[in-house]
Each structure stands twice: as structure tokens, then as C-alpha cells.
Amino acid sequence: MNDKIDNRQQSGLVRALGPIDATMIVIGSMIGSGIFITSAESSRLSGAPGWLLLAWAVAGLLTITGALCCSELATMMPRAGGVYVFLREAYGTSIGFLYGWTLFLVIQTGTIAAVAIAFAKFLGVFVSAVSPDNYLVAPISLGHYAISLSLEQLVAIALIALLTWTNTRGLEVGKIIQNTFTFAKTAALAAVVVIGLSLGWHVTSAARSAAWWNSWANGWSPQIAQPGFTFVGGLALALLFGRSMVGPLFAQTAWTNVTFVGSEVRDPGKNLVRALVVGCGIVVVLYLLANVAYLAVLPLPEIQHAPQNRVAVAMMNAVFGHPGAMCMAAAIMISTFGCNNGLILSGARVYYAMARDRLFFQRVATTNRFRVPAAALVAQAMWTAFLTLPRTVTINAATHEVNFGNVYNQLLEYIVSADLLFYVLMIAALMVLRRKRPDAERPYRTWGYPLVPIISILLAGLLVVDLAFLAPATSGIGMLIVLTGVPVYFFWRKVAAT
């Protein structure tokens, strides 16, 4: 039965991705807008440089331990769909479907939407008309949310459409775009690190202007970090530290994307391990050093209150003035463009695999004349475009003025809470399959087993509980999105049986 499924899932796809291509998918899908933006919110929540760096370090630990565990699963089952297949084989088709469904509704598409909006935001640095307030369709209020179409949102949709179209033209086209933009943005991020660490200490005494671990000494309080928060002292800091990891986790969450294209990687027993471990290692180190660079250049308050959270732009502005800020904005546009290409390319393979199992629209199970799942790409693009349209609605208590924000932070929390749940299930799947299929071929066996997966599961489990407690609305919505897949699963099972 499994062999038949394997053959079915690989039909129509070609193994055209080499070791560099696979590694570029890992790095390119991870480096998007997060590293350049999310440190502002993380530093506001934790209140001290040391806690900011620790948040990125712990997120990195989760990424590396996860990559070590995922490598065994990926080389054991190098198939289209990746994590979807791992969960299906470990727990059954229902859990696999819930993952794929949630990926389609919020994890993959929500990430693509958030990164596309970030691309449009930085385009606004160069073209002032690209603004969240320059409306083509004025906001239509829906309670605490609204739907609108601004020029910024239109640019995000146009980016999604463009990259979807290029990826329907064949894997070779998507691969060239991915490799080119990933090399460019990795070099740009490395330049940020070098500039910050070499010149930053001469720009300001930022590193000595804040208490590195005493958040209260920096004017922080739990109630300022999260209005209405009732906890105080060390417990409050520990809880908010967990929430401060949302941004760092979002910035690193897409490393599993290379497993989605498992059917298209040559010599997967070697190349998937190299791509996951080397790619994740490079990004984790660059991310940690980038935050050290921010702290070398900018005082903590300037990181916390960087205009529109653009920490990297603020850093380059402090070093080189306006030309530096403009260069950084351009680099982030390159980064987000390349990131979305990798996310769009790989995500479609999951829905393709689901459809091959008759758990999604059958049209999505097909490939076009370029031997790529074009229908899956289009379906992903349509839903992602919709996710760019919602806005948050807030009312100023003093002036009663209505303000419309975007759902960037909410998307992060929807994505991270749901993604962490499946992350735990994926790591646990390694242990389940060691018992369930002990004789299966494993070209790579997880280093440090079982300690590494246990550490990974414990860290991720603590964060799931912390986010559920601190952000019950957004985390709860993320979990409800997962549960919406239950009736849909039974619907597809009924359709498949007819």
C-alpha cells in the first residue's frame, strides 16, 4: 500500500534539485522579513538586550534540534508533501490531513501573505503612494476587523500572483529565482552583521546604555509590555519572554519547506540532511549575529520603537544616514521576494500530495506540461491573496478616532501557535516511527537520540502553553483553524469513497 502511495505521489514530478538548490530552499524560505522587523516587538516584550538575544538563541535551538530530527524522517520518506507524509505515516491520514489543511488555511498561506505585505511596506520607502492608507477600496468594518484594498495590499497581491505564475513555468524557473535571490539576501544579511559589528561600537555606546538582564532598570514593566497583565516579578518576565519568541520563531519557521519537495531532490538520503542541517545552521548563526549588530548600533529604546518596527533600516540609518536606510530597504525587498518564491514553490507540493491521496480537490493532484503542480499553485495563491485583505480596527478612547492596522502580528500568532503544535507532533513522529517501523531504511539517524527530540518537544510544548495563556484569542483562533479540518476530513473521505 505504501509503495503504491509513494509511486502515485511522485508521478509527474522530476528530481531536478541538487544539494545547493535544496539548501537554498531552506535558507531562502527562512530569511524573509522577520529578522529585519520582529526584534522590535520581542525587545518591547522582554525589556532587555540579554533577553532579546536569548529569545533568538532558544528559537535557534528549537530550529537546530528540529532539523536533526526532521532529517531522519525526510531521508526515510523523501516524498512530495514532506511533513504531511511523516504525520500521515506516524498517526494516520486524519492527522496528516489536519496538518495539510492548516498549512493551506494559515501556516503557509499566512506566512506568504505576511511576507508579501512586508515587501509592499518596504517598497513604500521608495514609492510613497504604496501606503496602507492609500485606499482603492475603503475599509468595510466587520466588528474588530475590516476588509480593505489599499495600494500596499494590491502590491502584495501582485507579488503573490507574479511568483505563482513564474513557478507554474517549471521547476527550473523557480529554482533559478530561488538561488539568485537567496544568494543576494544572504550576502545582504551578512553585510548587516559585518557593518554592525565592525562600525557599530563606534557609533554609540548602545551596548552599555541598558541593563542587559534587568528589564525593570530599562523602564520596562509587565503592564507596559502587555496592558492588563496581572502577573508581576520574575514569573511575569518568564511568561512574556515566551511570547517574545513569537517573532524569532516566525522568522525561522519555514525550514521544513524543503521536505515538501522531497520527490524532487536528487540523492535525498544525503542532500536533504545537508540542506536541513547546513541551511538551518547558517541562518541561526546569522540571525543571532544580526541581533548583536542591532544592539551594537542602536540603544535599546530605538530598537523597541523603530519606525514601523524596521529595526534593520534604523540601524543602517544610524551608521550611514539616509542612503544606508534606503539600501537596507532595498535589501529587505530582495529578501522578501526570494522568501516568498521558496514558500510558494514548496507549499503547493503539500496540497498536491493531499489530492493524490484523494483528500483535496482532484484537479490539484495534476501537473502541467512543465511537470509542476500548477493547479495547487493557483489554489494557494487565491487563498493567500484573500489573507492580505483583513485589517484590525481600533478606536482611540479619547478622540473616538477609528484606526485601521494590519493583521501582521495576529498572523504571526495564528501561524506560530498552530505551527508549534504540529512541530511537536512531527518530532514525536520520529519516536513513533522508530517503534512502528523499526526495520525501515534510514539513510540518516538522528544525532543525540532520544535526548535531542525530548529537548525539542519540551521547549515547544512550554511555548504552546505560554502562548495559549498569554494570547488566548489569537492562539485559540489558530487552534480552531486546526479543528475546522475535522469535518472537512470526513467530507473528503466520503467523496473519496464514492
Protein backbone atom coordinates (compact mmCIF):
# COMPACT_ATOMS: atom_id res chain seq x y z
CA MET A 1 0.00 0.00 0.00
CA ASN A 2 2.71 2.49 0.98
CA ASP A 3 4.71 1.72 -2.17
CA LYS A 4 1.66 2.47 -4.29
CA ILE A 5 1.17 5.76 -2.50
CA ASP A 6 4.87 6.61 -2.97
CA ASN A 7 4.67 5.99 -6.70
CA ARG A 8 1.46 7.92 -7.01
CA GLN A 9 2.83 10.91 -5.16
CA GLN A 10 5.99 11.08 -7.21
CA SER A 11 4.30 10.71 -10.60
CA GLY A 12 4.57 13.83 -12.69
CA LEU A 13 7.41 15.31 -10.61
CA VAL A 14 11.11 15.19 -11.51
CA ARG A 15 14.20 15.02 -9.27
CA ALA A 16 15.87 18.18 -10.52
CA LEU A 17 17.06 19.78 -7.25
CA GLY A 18 20.71 19.30 -6.28
CA PRO A 19 22.37 19.90 -2.87
CA ILE A 20 22.81 23.66 -3.40
CA ASP A 21 19.24 24.03 -4.68
CA ALA A 22 17.83 22.22 -1.63
CA THR A 23 19.95 24.29 0.76
CA MET A 24 18.84 27.49 -0.96
CA ILE A 25 15.20 26.48 -0.38
CA VAL A 26 15.92 26.09 3.35
CA ILE A 27 17.82 29.38 3.67
CA GLY A 28 15.61 31.29 1.25
CA SER A 29 12.36 30.22 2.91
CA MET A 30 13.67 31.18 6.35
CA ILE A 31 15.21 34.58 5.59
CA GLY A 32 12.31 36.87 4.78
CA SER A 33 11.14 39.94 6.65
CA GLY A 34 11.18 38.55 10.20
CA ILE A 35 14.83 39.14 11.08
CA PHE A 36 14.57 42.77 9.95
CA ILE A 37 11.32 43.58 11.81
CA THR A 38 10.39 41.27 14.68
CA SER A 39 13.18 42.22 17.11
CA ALA A 40 11.28 45.44 17.88
CA GLU A 41 8.28 43.61 19.31
CA SER A 42 10.47 41.00 21.01
CA SER A 43 12.52 43.69 22.78
CA ARG A 44 9.35 45.51 23.88
CA LEU A 45 8.01 42.32 25.44
CA SER A 46 11.22 41.26 27.22
CA GLY A 47 12.71 44.67 28.01
CA ALA A 48 16.45 43.93 27.97
CA PRO A 49 19.17 43.13 25.39
CA GLY A 50 20.12 39.85 27.05
CA TRP A 51 16.56 38.54 26.91
CA LEU A 52 16.26 39.59 23.26
CA LEU A 53 19.36 37.59 22.33
CA LEU A 54 18.23 34.64 24.44
CA ALA A 55 14.87 34.59 22.64
CA TRP A 56 16.65 34.27 19.30
CA ALA A 57 19.05 31.67 20.74
CA VAL A 58 16.24 29.48 22.10
CA ALA A 59 14.36 29.78 18.82
CA GLY A 60 17.58 28.72 17.12
CA LEU A 61 17.91 25.73 19.45
CA LEU A 62 14.38 24.65 18.52
CA THR A 63 15.28 25.00 14.85
CA ILE A 64 18.52 23.00 15.05
CA THR A 65 17.09 20.18 17.18
CA GLY A 66 14.05 20.09 14.91
CA ALA A 67 16.23 19.91 11.80
CA LEU A 68 18.24 16.99 13.25
CA CYS A 69 15.03 15.08 13.94
CA CYS A 70 13.36 16.02 10.66
CA SER A 71 16.42 14.88 8.69
CA GLU A 72 15.81 11.26 9.67
CA LEU A 73 12.16 11.46 8.61
CA ALA A 74 12.98 13.30 5.38
CA THR A 75 15.59 10.77 4.25
CA MET A 76 13.38 7.88 5.31
CA MET A 77 10.42 9.22 3.29
CA PRO A 78 11.64 11.64 0.59
CA ARG A 79 8.23 12.26 -0.93
CA ALA A 80 6.12 15.14 -2.14
CA GLY A 81 4.37 16.65 0.88
CA GLY A 82 7.16 16.13 3.42
CA VAL A 83 5.80 16.73 6.92
CA TYR A 84 2.29 15.82 5.73
CA VAL A 85 3.61 12.37 4.81
CA PHE A 86 5.54 11.99 8.09
CA LEU A 87 2.43 12.71 10.16
CA ARG A 88 0.25 10.51 7.97
CA GLU A 89 2.60 7.55 8.34
CA ALA A 90 3.02 8.03 12.11
CA TYR A 91 -0.54 8.83 13.17
CA GLY A 92 -2.83 8.06 10.23
CA THR A 93 -4.41 10.03 7.42
CA SER A 94 -6.56 12.22 9.71
CA ILE A 95 -3.60 13.90 11.46
CA GLY A 96 -1.75 14.26 8.18
CA PHE A 97 -4.80 15.92 6.67
CA LEU A 98 -5.21 18.33 9.60
CA TYR A 99 -1.62 19.46 9.07
CA GLY A 100 -2.09 19.98 5.34
CA TRP A 101 -5.40 21.74 5.89
CA THR A 102 -3.91 24.10 8.49
CA LEU A 103 -0.92 24.70 6.23
CA PHE A 104 -3.31 25.75 3.48
CA LEU A 105 -5.55 27.90 5.68
CA VAL A 106 -2.94 29.77 7.73
CA ILE A 107 0.58 28.36 8.21
CA GLN A 108 1.93 28.51 4.66
CA THR A 109 -0.53 30.96 3.13
CA GLY A 110 -0.48 33.21 6.19
CA THR A 111 3.31 33.35 6.07
CA ILE A 112 3.26 34.16 2.34
CA ALA A 113 0.67 36.90 2.95
CA ALA A 114 2.65 38.43 5.83
CA VAL A 115 5.89 38.41 3.84
CA ALA A 116 4.15 39.89 0.79
CA ILE A 117 2.78 42.73 2.92
CA ALA A 118 6.28 43.28 4.31
CA PHE A 119 7.61 43.53 0.73
CA ALA A 120 4.98 46.17 -0.02
CA LYS A 121 5.82 48.07 3.18
CA PHE A 122 9.45 48.43 2.17
CA LEU A 123 8.50 49.36 -1.37
CA GLY A 124 6.68 52.22 0.33
CA VAL A 125 10.07 53.59 1.39
CA PHE A 126 10.77 54.31 -2.29
CA VAL A 127 7.23 54.90 -3.58
CA SER A 128 5.20 56.92 -1.08
CA ALA A 129 1.94 56.07 -2.85
CA VAL A 130 2.38 52.44 -1.71
CA SER A 131 0.79 53.06 1.64
CA PRO A 132 -1.63 51.13 3.87
CA ASP A 133 -3.83 54.24 3.94
CA ASN A 134 -3.96 54.85 0.17
CA TYR A 135 -7.22 53.02 -0.43
CA LEU A 136 -8.63 51.65 -3.65
CA VAL A 137 -11.48 50.16 -1.61
CA ALA A 138 -12.07 51.87 1.75
CA PRO A 139 -12.26 49.62 4.84
CA ILE A 140 -15.54 47.75 5.30
CA SER A 141 -15.93 47.26 9.04
CA LEU A 142 -16.64 43.77 10.41
CA GLY A 143 -16.52 44.39 14.16
CA HIS A 144 -12.93 44.30 15.40
CA TYR A 145 -11.72 43.67 11.85
CA ALA A 146 -12.26 45.21 8.45
CA ILE A 147 -11.68 44.34 4.83
CA SER A 148 -9.97 46.84 2.55
CA LEU A 149 -7.83 47.12 -0.54
CA SER A 150 -5.05 49.67 -0.28
CA LEU A 151 -2.25 50.16 -2.77
CA GLU A 152 0.04 48.38 -0.30
CA GLN A 153 -2.28 45.37 -0.26
CA LEU A 154 -2.55 45.44 -4.06
CA VAL A 155 1.25 45.30 -4.37
CA ALA A 156 1.29 42.29 -2.02
CA ILE A 157 -1.32 40.52 -4.15
CA ALA A 158 0.59 41.36 -7.34
CA LEU A 159 3.77 39.84 -5.87
CA ILE A 160 1.91 36.64 -4.96
CA ALA A 161 0.43 36.44 -8.47
CA LEU A 162 3.79 37.05 -10.17
CA LEU A 163 5.68 34.41 -8.21
CA THR A 164 2.86 31.91 -8.58
CA TRP A 165 2.91 32.39 -12.35
CA THR A 166 6.70 32.01 -12.61
CA ASN A 167 6.54 28.79 -10.60
CA THR A 168 3.93 27.34 -12.96
CA ARG A 169 6.52 27.67 -15.75
CA GLY A 170 8.61 24.80 -14.39
CA LEU A 171 10.88 23.83 -11.53
CA GLU A 172 13.94 25.17 -13.34
CA VAL A 173 12.50 28.71 -13.38
CA GLY A 174 11.57 28.60 -9.71
CA LYS A 175 14.99 27.16 -8.85
CA ILE A 176 16.87 29.93 -10.68
CA ILE A 177 14.81 32.64 -8.94
CA GLN A 178 15.31 30.95 -5.58
CA ASN A 179 19.06 30.53 -5.88
CA THR A 180 19.65 34.05 -7.22
CA PHE A 181 17.64 35.86 -4.58
CA THR A 182 18.83 33.63 -1.73
CA PHE A 183 22.50 34.29 -2.52
CA ALA A 184 21.74 38.03 -2.72
CA LYS A 185 19.82 38.30 0.52
CA THR A 186 22.20 36.06 2.48
CA ALA A 187 25.02 38.37 1.40
CA ALA A 188 22.92 41.38 2.44
CA LEU A 189 22.23 39.92 5.89
CA ALA A 190 25.91 39.05 6.30
CA ALA A 191 26.75 42.66 5.36
CA VAL A 192 24.39 43.91 8.09
CA VAL A 193 26.25 41.73 10.58
CA VAL A 194 29.70 42.88 9.45
CA ILE A 195 28.72 46.57 9.37
CA GLY A 196 27.05 46.44 12.75
CA LEU A 197 29.83 44.56 14.49
CA SER A 198 32.70 46.49 12.91
CA LEU A 199 31.29 50.02 12.92
CA GLY A 200 28.51 49.91 15.46
CA TRP A 201 30.57 50.14 18.61
CA HIS A 202 31.97 53.47 17.36
CA VAL A 203 28.53 54.90 16.55
CA THR A 204 27.04 54.70 20.02
CA SER A 205 27.56 53.24 23.46
CA ALA A 206 24.34 51.27 22.97
CA ALA A 207 25.79 48.09 24.40
CA ARG A 208 26.48 49.84 27.70
CA SER A 209 23.41 52.08 27.86
CA ALA A 210 20.95 49.43 29.03
CA ALA A 211 20.90 46.80 31.76
CA TRP A 212 21.43 43.57 29.86
CA TRP A 213 19.27 41.35 32.08
CA ASN A 214 17.39 43.71 34.43
CA SER A 215 14.36 44.72 32.38
CA TRP A 216 12.93 46.94 35.12
CA ALA A 217 16.12 49.02 35.11
CA ASN A 218 15.34 49.86 31.47
CA GLY A 219 11.89 51.26 32.32
CA TRP A 220 10.10 48.01 31.47
CA SER A 221 7.12 46.63 33.33
CA PRO A 222 4.79 43.72 32.57
CA GLN A 223 1.84 46.10 32.37
CA ILE A 224 3.58 48.27 29.76
CA ALA A 225 4.66 45.21 27.77
CA GLN A 226 1.15 43.74 27.83
CA PRO A 227 -1.59 46.08 29.04
CA GLY A 228 -3.92 44.45 31.54
CA PHE A 229 -1.34 41.84 32.55
CA THR A 230 -1.84 40.92 36.22
CA PHE A 231 1.35 38.98 36.96
CA VAL A 232 4.42 40.66 38.44
CA GLY A 233 8.05 39.85 39.14
CA GLY A 234 10.08 37.03 37.65
CA LEU A 235 7.00 34.98 36.66
CA ALA A 236 5.70 37.87 34.57
CA LEU A 237 9.07 38.21 32.83
CA ALA A 238 9.25 34.46 32.16
CA LEU A 239 5.75 34.41 30.64
CA LEU A 240 6.39 37.46 28.47
CA PHE A 241 9.76 36.09 27.43
CA GLY A 242 7.89 33.14 25.95
CA ARG A 243 5.67 35.48 23.99
CA SER A 244 8.72 37.46 22.85
CA MET A 245 9.79 34.34 20.96
CA VAL A 246 6.84 34.58 18.55
CA GLY A 247 8.81 36.82 16.18
CA PRO A 248 12.04 34.79 16.26
CA LEU A 249 10.08 31.57 15.74
CA PHE A 250 8.14 33.10 12.85
CA ALA A 251 11.44 34.17 11.28
CA GLN A 252 12.68 30.56 11.43
CA THR A 253 9.50 28.57 10.92
CA ALA A 254 9.80 27.69 7.23
CA TRP A 255 12.84 25.39 7.31
CA THR A 256 10.61 22.30 6.83
CA ASN A 257 9.69 23.55 3.36
CA VAL A 258 12.50 21.58 1.74
CA THR A 259 10.80 18.35 2.86
CA PHE A 260 7.72 19.33 0.82
CA VAL A 261 9.77 18.92 -2.37
CA GLY A 262 11.26 15.58 -1.27
CA SER A 263 10.20 13.93 -4.54
CA GLU A 264 12.21 16.49 -6.50
CA VAL A 265 15.55 16.34 -4.64
CA ARG A 266 18.31 14.22 -6.15
CA ASP A 267 20.03 11.69 -3.84
CA PRO A 268 17.70 12.68 -0.94
CA GLY A 269 19.48 10.40 1.54
CA LYS A 270 22.42 12.82 1.51
CA ASN A 271 21.12 16.10 0.12
CA LEU A 272 18.12 16.55 2.42
CA VAL A 273 20.27 16.12 5.54
CA ARG A 274 22.86 18.58 4.25
CA ALA A 275 20.20 21.09 3.26
CA LEU A 276 18.40 20.96 6.61
CA VAL A 277 21.41 20.95 8.93
CA VAL A 278 23.69 23.30 6.97
CA GLY A 279 20.88 25.65 5.89
CA CYS A 280 19.39 25.94 9.37
CA GLY A 281 22.83 26.32 10.95
CA ILE A 282 23.77 29.20 8.66
CA VAL A 283 20.51 31.05 9.28
CA VAL A 284 20.50 30.57 13.06
CA VAL A 285 24.05 31.96 13.34
CA LEU A 286 23.29 34.91 11.04
CA TYR A 287 20.11 35.74 12.95
CA LEU A 288 21.86 35.77 16.32
CA LEU A 289 24.73 37.90 14.99
CA ALA A 290 22.29 40.30 13.29
CA ASN A 291 20.68 40.99 16.66
CA VAL A 292 24.08 41.55 18.23
CA ALA A 293 24.72 44.04 15.41
CA TYR A 294 21.44 45.85 16.15
CA LEU A 295 22.44 46.13 19.80
CA ALA A 296 25.91 47.35 18.87
CA VAL A 297 24.48 50.24 16.87
CA LEU A 298 21.15 51.17 18.45
CA PRO A 299 20.20 51.95 22.04
CA LEU A 300 17.52 49.56 23.28
CA PRO A 301 14.71 52.18 23.13
CA GLU A 302 15.49 52.80 19.46
CA ILE A 303 15.16 49.07 18.75
CA GLN A 304 11.90 48.91 20.69
CA HIS A 305 10.43 51.94 18.93
CA ALA A 306 11.96 51.69 15.47
CA PRO A 307 9.58 53.35 12.95
CA GLN A 308 7.12 50.69 11.75
CA ASN A 309 9.36 48.12 13.53
CA ARG A 310 12.04 48.47 10.80
CA VAL A 311 14.99 47.74 13.09
CA ALA A 312 17.47 46.93 10.31
CA VAL A 313 16.60 50.16 8.47
CA ALA A 314 17.06 52.15 11.70
CA MET A 315 20.46 50.50 12.22
CA MET A 316 21.71 51.32 8.73
CA ASN A 317 20.34 54.85 9.06
CA ALA A 318 22.34 55.31 12.26
CA VAL A 319 25.56 54.15 10.56
CA PHE A 320 25.27 55.66 7.07
CA GLY A 321 22.35 58.07 7.27
CA HIS A 322 19.53 58.15 4.71
CA PRO A 323 21.49 56.32 1.94
CA GLY A 324 22.09 53.41 4.32
CA ALA A 325 18.40 53.23 5.21
CA MET A 326 17.45 53.17 1.53
CA CYS A 327 19.98 50.40 0.80
CA MET A 328 18.60 48.34 3.67
CA ALA A 329 15.03 48.79 2.47
CA ALA A 330 16.08 47.56 -0.98
CA ALA A 331 17.85 44.56 0.57
CA ILE A 332 14.72 43.64 2.53
CA MET A 333 12.64 43.83 -0.63
CA ILE A 334 15.06 41.35 -2.25
CA SER A 335 14.85 39.17 0.85
CA THR A 336 11.05 39.06 0.99
CA PHE A 337 10.80 38.48 -2.77
CA GLY A 338 13.11 35.45 -2.56
CA CYS A 339 11.46 34.17 0.62
CA ASN A 340 8.02 34.15 -0.94
CA ASN A 341 9.31 32.37 -4.02
CA GLY A 342 10.53 29.48 -1.85
CA LEU A 343 7.32 29.38 0.19
CA ILE A 344 5.11 29.40 -2.91
CA LEU A 345 7.20 26.80 -4.74
CA SER A 346 7.27 24.30 -1.88
CA GLY A 347 3.86 24.80 -0.27
CA ALA A 348 1.95 23.72 -3.35
CA ARG A 349 3.57 20.26 -3.18
CA VAL A 350 1.72 19.51 0.09
CA TYR A 351 -1.73 20.14 -1.40
CA TYR A 352 -0.65 18.13 -4.44
CA ALA A 353 0.24 15.19 -2.15
CA MET A 354 -3.08 15.51 -0.29
CA ALA A 355 -5.00 15.49 -3.54
CA ARG A 356 -3.08 12.39 -4.69
CA ASP A 357 -4.41 10.76 -1.51
CA ARG A 358 -7.92 11.97 -2.54
CA LEU A 359 -8.08 14.38 0.40
CA PHE A 360 -8.27 17.58 -1.65
CA PHE A 361 -9.67 18.77 -4.97
CA GLN A 362 -8.67 16.25 -7.62
CA ARG A 363 -7.63 18.98 -10.02
CA VAL A 364 -4.89 19.85 -7.52
CA ALA A 365 -3.46 16.32 -7.96
CA THR A 366 -2.34 17.09 -11.52
CA THR A 367 0.81 18.55 -13.02
CA ASN A 368 1.02 20.76 -16.09
CA ARG A 369 3.20 20.37 -19.17
CA PHE A 370 6.15 21.80 -17.20
CA ARG A 371 5.71 18.94 -14.70
CA VAL A 372 4.81 21.15 -11.74
CA PRO A 373 1.53 21.19 -9.73
CA ALA A 374 0.09 24.33 -11.35
CA ALA A 375 -3.45 23.86 -10.01
CA ALA A 376 -2.09 23.57 -6.46
CA LEU A 377 -0.07 26.75 -7.00
CA VAL A 378 -3.14 28.65 -8.21
CA ALA A 379 -5.34 27.43 -5.34
CA GLN A 380 -2.66 28.51 -2.84
CA ALA A 381 -2.36 31.94 -4.48
CA MET A 382 -6.10 32.61 -4.42
CA TRP A 383 -6.45 31.98 -0.70
CA THR A 384 -3.21 33.80 0.13
CA ALA A 385 -4.40 36.89 -1.76
CA PHE A 386 -7.53 36.93 0.39
CA LEU A 387 -5.44 36.80 3.58
CA THR A 388 -3.80 40.12 2.64
CA LEU A 389 -7.15 41.94 2.84
CA PRO A 390 -8.17 41.88 6.55
CA ARG A 391 -7.33 44.88 8.76
CA THR A 392 -7.57 45.38 12.50
CA VAL A 393 -9.91 48.06 13.85
CA THR A 394 -9.04 50.11 16.96
CA ILE A 395 -10.82 53.14 18.39
CA ASN A 396 -8.98 55.90 20.26
CA ALA A 397 -10.79 56.23 23.60
CA ALA A 398 -10.05 59.96 23.88
CA THR A 399 -10.79 61.13 20.33
CA HIS A 400 -13.02 58.25 19.17
CA GLU A 401 -10.92 58.17 16.03
CA VAL A 402 -11.02 54.84 14.18
CA ASN A 403 -7.63 53.44 13.19
CA PHE A 404 -7.03 50.59 10.77
CA GLY A 405 -3.96 48.45 11.26
CA ASN A 406 -2.89 45.23 9.56
CA VAL A 407 -3.06 41.71 10.92
CA TYR A 408 0.72 41.12 10.75
CA ASN A 409 1.18 40.37 14.46
CA GLN A 410 -2.04 38.34 14.58
CA LEU A 411 -0.89 36.31 11.58
CA LEU A 412 2.34 35.62 13.43
CA GLU A 413 0.50 34.31 16.47
CA TYR A 414 -2.01 32.29 14.43
CA ILE A 415 0.88 30.77 12.49
CA VAL A 416 3.25 30.14 15.40
CA SER A 417 0.69 28.59 17.76
CA ALA A 418 -0.62 26.20 15.10
CA ASP A 419 2.83 25.51 13.70
CA LEU A 420 4.27 24.68 17.14
CA LEU A 421 1.51 22.11 17.69
CA PHE A 422 2.45 20.28 14.50
CA TYR A 423 6.14 20.77 15.26
CA VAL A 424 5.65 18.75 18.47
CA LEU A 425 3.73 16.08 16.54
CA MET A 426 6.46 15.91 13.88
CA ILE A 427 9.26 15.43 16.42
CA ALA A 428 7.17 12.86 18.28
CA ALA A 429 6.58 11.10 14.91
CA LEU A 430 10.29 10.30 14.84
CA MET A 431 9.93 8.35 18.08
CA VAL A 432 6.64 6.76 16.99
CA LEU A 433 8.12 5.52 13.71
CA ARG A 434 11.22 4.17 15.46
CA ARG A 435 8.80 1.80 17.24
CA LYS A 436 6.24 1.37 14.47
CA ARG A 437 8.69 0.78 11.61
CA PRO A 438 11.99 -0.27 13.17
CA ASP A 439 13.23 -2.04 10.01
CA ALA A 440 12.58 0.85 7.62
CA GLU A 441 15.58 2.14 5.70
CA ARG A 442 17.06 5.18 7.43
CA PRO A 443 19.96 6.75 5.48
CA TYR A 444 20.43 9.12 8.42
CA ARG A 445 19.65 8.52 12.09
CA THR A 446 19.09 11.49 14.41
CA TRP A 447 22.21 12.53 16.31
CA GLY A 448 21.69 12.56 20.08
CA TYR A 449 18.54 10.41 20.01
CA PRO A 450 16.46 10.35 22.23
CA LEU A 451 17.75 13.40 24.12
CA VAL A 452 17.55 15.78 21.15
CA PRO A 453 13.87 15.09 20.35
CA ILE A 454 12.92 15.21 24.05
CA ILE A 455 14.54 18.66 24.44
CA SER A 456 12.78 19.84 21.30
CA ILE A 457 9.36 18.58 22.41
CA LEU A 458 9.70 20.07 25.93
CA LEU A 459 10.69 23.53 24.65
CA ALA A 460 7.96 23.63 22.02
CA GLY A 461 5.36 22.30 24.48
CA LEU A 462 6.17 25.04 27.01
CA LEU A 463 5.76 27.68 24.31
CA VAL A 464 2.40 26.26 23.20
CA VAL A 465 1.11 26.52 26.78
CA ASP A 466 2.60 30.01 27.25
CA LEU A 467 1.03 31.41 24.07
CA ALA A 468 -2.32 29.81 24.88
CA PHE A 469 -2.24 31.58 28.26
CA LEU A 470 -0.97 35.00 27.13
CA ALA A 471 -2.70 35.29 23.77
CA PRO A 472 -5.80 33.10 24.12
CA ALA A 473 -7.71 34.90 21.37
CA THR A 474 -5.11 34.61 18.61
CA SER A 475 -3.73 31.25 19.79
CA GLY A 476 -7.26 29.97 20.22
CA ILE A 477 -8.15 31.01 16.69
CA GLY A 478 -5.06 29.20 15.45
CA MET A 479 -6.18 26.02 17.21
CA LEU A 480 -9.77 26.43 15.98
CA ILE A 481 -8.43 26.66 12.44
CA VAL A 482 -6.79 23.27 13.01
CA LEU A 483 -10.10 21.83 14.26
CA THR A 484 -12.05 23.14 11.27
CA GLY A 485 -10.25 20.42 9.35
CA VAL A 486 -12.11 17.65 11.23
CA PRO A 487 -15.45 17.91 9.37
CA VAL A 488 -13.60 18.70 6.14
CA TYR A 489 -11.58 15.50 6.54
CA PHE A 490 -14.72 13.39 6.84
CA PHE A 491 -16.19 15.18 3.84
CA TRP A 492 -13.17 14.29 1.68
CA ARG A 493 -13.21 10.71 2.97
CA LYS A 494 -16.84 10.45 1.91
CA VAL A 495 -16.03 11.94 -1.50
CA ALA A 496 -13.12 9.52 -1.94
CA ALA A 497 -15.37 6.56 -1.13
CA THR A 498 -17.89 7.42 -3.85
